[in-house]
C-alpha atoms as a PDB file:
ATOM      1  CA  VAL A   1      -0.051   0.034   0.094  1.00  0.00           C
ATOM      2  CA  GLN A   2       1.337   3.447  -0.971  1.00  0.00           C
ATOM      3  CA  LEU A   3      -0.440   6.695  -0.208  1.00  0.00           C
ATOM      4  CA  GLN A   4       1.652   9.500  -1.772  1.00  0.00           C
ATOM      5  CA  ALA A   5       0.515  13.169  -1.156  1.00  0.00           C
ATOM      6  CA  SER A   6       1.749  15.922  -3.227  1.00  0.00           C
ATOM      7  CA  GLY A   7       1.064  19.596  -3.931  1.00  0.00           C
ATOM      8  CA  GLY A   8       1.904  21.434  -0.764  1.00  0.00           C
ATOM      9  CA  GLY A   9       3.974  24.414  -0.382  1.00  0.00           C
ATOM     10  CA  LEU A  10       4.348  27.924   0.957  1.00  0.00           C
ATOM     11  CA  VAL A  11       1.269  30.131   0.328  1.00  0.00           C
ATOM     12  CA  GLN A  12       0.186  33.586   1.695  1.00  0.00           C
ATOM     13  CA  PRO A  13      -2.848  33.761   3.754  1.00  0.00           C
ATOM     14  CA  GLY A  14      -5.845  33.933   1.391  1.00  0.00           C
ATOM     15  CA  GLY A  15      -4.137  31.747  -1.193  1.00  0.00           C
ATOM     16  CA  SER A  16      -5.023  28.518  -2.560  1.00  0.00           C
ATOM     17  CA  LEU A  17      -3.589  25.016  -3.067  1.00  0.00           C
ATOM     18  CA  ARG A  18      -4.610  21.758  -4.501  1.00  0.00           C
ATOM     19  CA  LEU A  19      -3.386  18.716  -2.917  1.00  0.00           C
ATOM     20  CA  SER A  20      -3.294  15.266  -4.558  1.00  0.00           C
ATOM     21  CA  CYS A  21      -2.872  11.903  -3.096  1.00  0.00           C
ATOM     22  CA  THR A  22      -2.287   8.994  -5.522  1.00  0.00           C
ATOM     23  CA  THR A  23      -2.661   5.457  -4.128  1.00  0.00           C
ATOM     24  CA  SER A  24      -1.586   2.194  -5.098  1.00  0.00           C
ATOM     25  CA  GLY A  25      -1.869  -1.424  -3.674  1.00  0.00           C
ATOM     26  CA  ILE A  26      -5.487  -0.669  -2.795  1.00  0.00           C
ATOM     27  CA  ILE A  27      -8.896  -1.086  -4.599  1.00  0.00           C
ATOM     28  CA  PHE A  28      -9.333   2.727  -4.446  1.00  0.00           C
ATOM     29  CA  ARG A  29     -12.920   2.785  -5.968  1.00  0.00           C
ATOM     30  CA  ILE A  30     -14.418   0.724  -2.948  1.00  0.00           C
ATOM     31  CA  ASN A  31     -12.845   2.885  -0.268  1.00  0.00           C
ATOM     32  CA  ASP A  32     -14.191   6.066   1.273  1.00  0.00           C
ATOM     33  CA  MET A  33     -11.314   8.259   1.616  1.00  0.00           C
ATOM     34  CA  GLY A  34     -10.156  11.148   3.740  1.00  0.00           C
ATOM     35  CA  TRP A  35      -7.747  13.949   4.247  1.00  0.00           C
ATOM     36  CA  TYR A  36      -5.875  14.428   7.572  1.00  0.00           C
ATOM     37  CA  ARG A  37      -3.304  16.963   8.760  1.00  0.00           C
ATOM     38  CA  GLN A  38      -1.026  17.310  11.582  1.00  0.00           C
ATOM     39  CA  ALA A  39       0.462  20.376  12.821  1.00  0.00           C
ATOM     40  CA  PRO A  40       3.500  20.605  15.047  1.00  0.00           C
ATOM     41  CA  GLY A  41       2.735  19.429  18.550  1.00  0.00           C
ATOM     42  CA  ASN A  42      -0.802  18.568  17.621  1.00  0.00           C
ATOM     43  CA  GLN A  43      -2.409  15.234  17.032  1.00  0.00           C
ATOM     44  CA  ARG A  44      -3.389  14.318  13.422  1.00  0.00           C
ATOM     45  CA  GLU A  45      -6.915  15.422  12.712  1.00  0.00           C
ATOM     46  CA  LEU A  46      -9.530  14.494  10.013  1.00  0.00           C
ATOM     47  CA  VAL A  47     -10.221  17.359   7.715  1.00  0.00           C
ATOM     48  CA  ALA A  48     -12.381  16.012   4.932  1.00  0.00           C
ATOM     49  CA  THR A  49     -13.947  12.805   3.662  1.00  0.00           C
ATOM     50  CA  ILE A  50     -15.439  11.485   0.450  1.00  0.00           C
ATOM     51  CA  THR A  51     -17.389   8.407   0.168  1.00  0.00           C
ATOM     52  CA  THR A  52     -17.347   5.909  -2.677  1.00  0.00           C
ATOM     53  CA  GLY A  53     -20.519   7.599  -3.902  1.00  0.00           C
ATOM     54  CA  GLY A  54     -19.116  11.209  -3.841  1.00  0.00           C
ATOM     55  CA  THR A  55     -20.673  12.232  -0.534  1.00  0.00           C
ATOM     56  CA  THR A  56     -18.515  14.724   1.241  1.00  0.00           C
ATOM     57  CA  SER A  57     -17.881  16.013   4.631  1.00  0.00           C
ATOM     58  CA  PHE A  58     -15.647  18.729   6.287  1.00  0.00           C
ATOM     59  CA  ALA A  59     -14.335  19.638   9.709  1.00  0.00           C
ATOM     60  CA  ASP A  60     -15.944  22.848  10.899  1.00  0.00           C
ATOM     61  CA  SER A  61     -12.655  24.638  10.736  1.00  0.00           C
ATOM     62  CA  VAL A  62     -12.396  24.066   6.836  1.00  0.00           C
ATOM     63  CA  LYS A  63     -16.131  24.113   5.988  1.00  0.00           C
ATOM     64  CA  GLY A  64     -16.716  26.502   3.147  1.00  0.00           C
ATOM     65  CA  ARG A  65     -13.084  26.821   2.184  1.00  0.00           C
ATOM     66  CA  PHE A  66     -12.050  23.267   1.320  1.00  0.00           C
ATOM     67  CA  THR A  67     -13.434  20.826  -1.135  1.00  0.00           C
ATOM     68  CA  ILE A  68     -12.568  17.242  -1.661  1.00  0.00           C
ATOM     69  CA  SER A  69     -12.950  15.061  -4.765  1.00  0.00           C
ATOM     70  CA  ARG A  70     -11.792  11.823  -6.202  1.00  0.00           C
ATOM     71  CA  ASP A  71     -10.832  10.204  -9.536  1.00  0.00           C
ATOM     72  CA  ASN A  72     -11.256   6.526  -9.375  1.00  0.00           C
ATOM     73  CA  ALA A  73      -9.744   6.137 -12.816  1.00  0.00           C
ATOM     74  CA  LYS A  74      -6.526   7.644 -11.437  1.00  0.00           C
ATOM     75  CA  ASN A  75      -6.809   6.098  -8.005  1.00  0.00           C
ATOM     76  CA  THR A  76      -6.412   9.685  -6.617  1.00  0.00           C
ATOM     77  CA  VAL A  77      -8.218  11.940  -4.138  1.00  0.00           C
ATOM     78  CA  TYR A  78      -7.799  15.590  -4.046  1.00  0.00           C
ATOM     79  CA  LEU A  79      -8.143  18.511  -1.765  1.00  0.00           C
ATOM     80  CA  GLN A  80      -8.758  21.971  -2.965  1.00  0.00           C
ATOM     81  CA  MET A  81      -7.985  24.447  -0.292  1.00  0.00           C
ATOM     82  CA  ASN A  82      -9.056  28.021  -0.710  1.00  0.00           C
ATOM     83  CA  SER A  83      -8.842  31.183   1.472  1.00  0.00           C
ATOM     84  CA  LEU A  84      -6.079  29.627   3.434  1.00  0.00           C
ATOM     85  CA  LYS A  85      -5.233  30.627   6.985  1.00  0.00           C
ATOM     86  CA  PRO A  86      -2.008  30.444   9.053  1.00  0.00           C
ATOM     87  CA  GLU A  87      -3.830  27.809  11.111  1.00  0.00           C
ATOM     88  CA  ASP A  88      -3.918  25.529   8.182  1.00  0.00           C
ATOM     89  CA  THR A  89      -0.274  25.121   8.291  1.00  0.00           C
ATOM     90  CA  ALA A  90       0.275  21.297   8.551  1.00  0.00           C
ATOM     91  CA  VAL A  91       1.550  18.289   7.007  1.00  0.00           C
ATOM     92  CA  TYR A  92      -1.368  16.763   4.910  1.00  0.00           C
ATOM     93  CA  TYR A  93      -1.878  13.100   4.432  1.00  0.00           C
ATOM     94  CA  CYS A  94      -4.662  10.923   2.894  1.00  0.00           C
ATOM     95  CA  ASN A  95      -5.983   7.594   4.041  1.00  0.00           C
ATOM     96  CA  ARG A  96      -9.258   5.922   4.411  1.00  0.00           C
ATOM     97  CA  ARG A  97     -12.319   7.548   6.053  1.00  0.00           C
ATOM     98  CA  PRO A  98     -12.291   6.282   9.529  1.00  0.00           C
ATOM     99  CA  SER A  99     -15.310   3.915  10.413  1.00  0.00           C
ATOM    100  CA  SER A 100     -16.093   1.052  12.542  1.00  0.00           C
ATOM    101  CA  GLY A 101     -15.091  -2.279  10.936  1.00  0.00           C
ATOM    102  CA  ASN A 102     -12.117  -0.808   9.118  1.00  0.00           C
ATOM    103  CA  ILE A 103      -8.543  -0.065   9.943  1.00  0.00           C
ATOM    104  CA  LEU A 104      -6.420   2.884   8.297  1.00  0.00           C
ATOM    105  CA  PHE A 105      -3.945   1.940   5.820  1.00  0.00           C
ATOM    106  CA  PRO A 106      -0.270   2.524   6.625  1.00  0.00           C
ATOM    107  CA  TRP A 107       0.391   6.206   6.628  1.00  0.00           C
ATOM    108  CA  GLY A 108       2.293   7.470   3.521  1.00  0.00           C
ATOM    109  CA  GLN A 109       4.353  10.428   3.094  1.00  0.00           C
ATOM    110  CA  GLY A 110       2.466  13.646   3.707  1.00  0.00           C
ATOM    111  CA  THR A 111       2.753  17.004   1.996  1.00  0.00           C
ATOM    112  CA  GLN A 112       3.812  20.268   3.908  1.00  0.00           C
ATOM    113  CA  VAL A 113       1.368  23.189   3.610  1.00  0.00           C
ATOM    114  CA  THR A 114       2.596  26.516   5.194  1.00  0.00           C
ATOM    115  CA  VAL A 115       0.465  29.441   5.001  1.00  0.00           C
ATOM    116  CA  SER A 116       2.436  32.475   6.075  1.00  0.00           C
ATOM    117  CA  SER A 117       3.032  36.082   4.800  1.00  0.00           C
END
C-alpha cells in the first residue's frame, strides 16, 4: 500500500493550493477516503472525507473553504484549499475515512502546507 500526497508548499494567507494523493496497492474505488493533517505539537486530525458515492464532509474549521474530490480512474483523491489561513499550516495526508469495521492503511508520506506572509 502506498499513499503519496503532493501539491503542498508555501502560500500567503488567502491563497489556494490543490493537494493530490495518489494511491497504489488498494482497490481505490471501493474505499471511502479522507484527508488528514497534523500541525507541530498537535495530534493528526481529520479534515475532509469523501465516500465511494461522492458524499463529502468537512471539519468545521475548513467548511466552506476546502473541497474534496476523487478520480477513481486515477486512484487519486484531491483536496482543494481556498482562503487559506495560518492555522491551516500542517503536514497533510490521505487515508481511508475512519469508520467502525475498518482500519486505516499505513500512513504514507504527507505534504507540507505552510500558510504565512
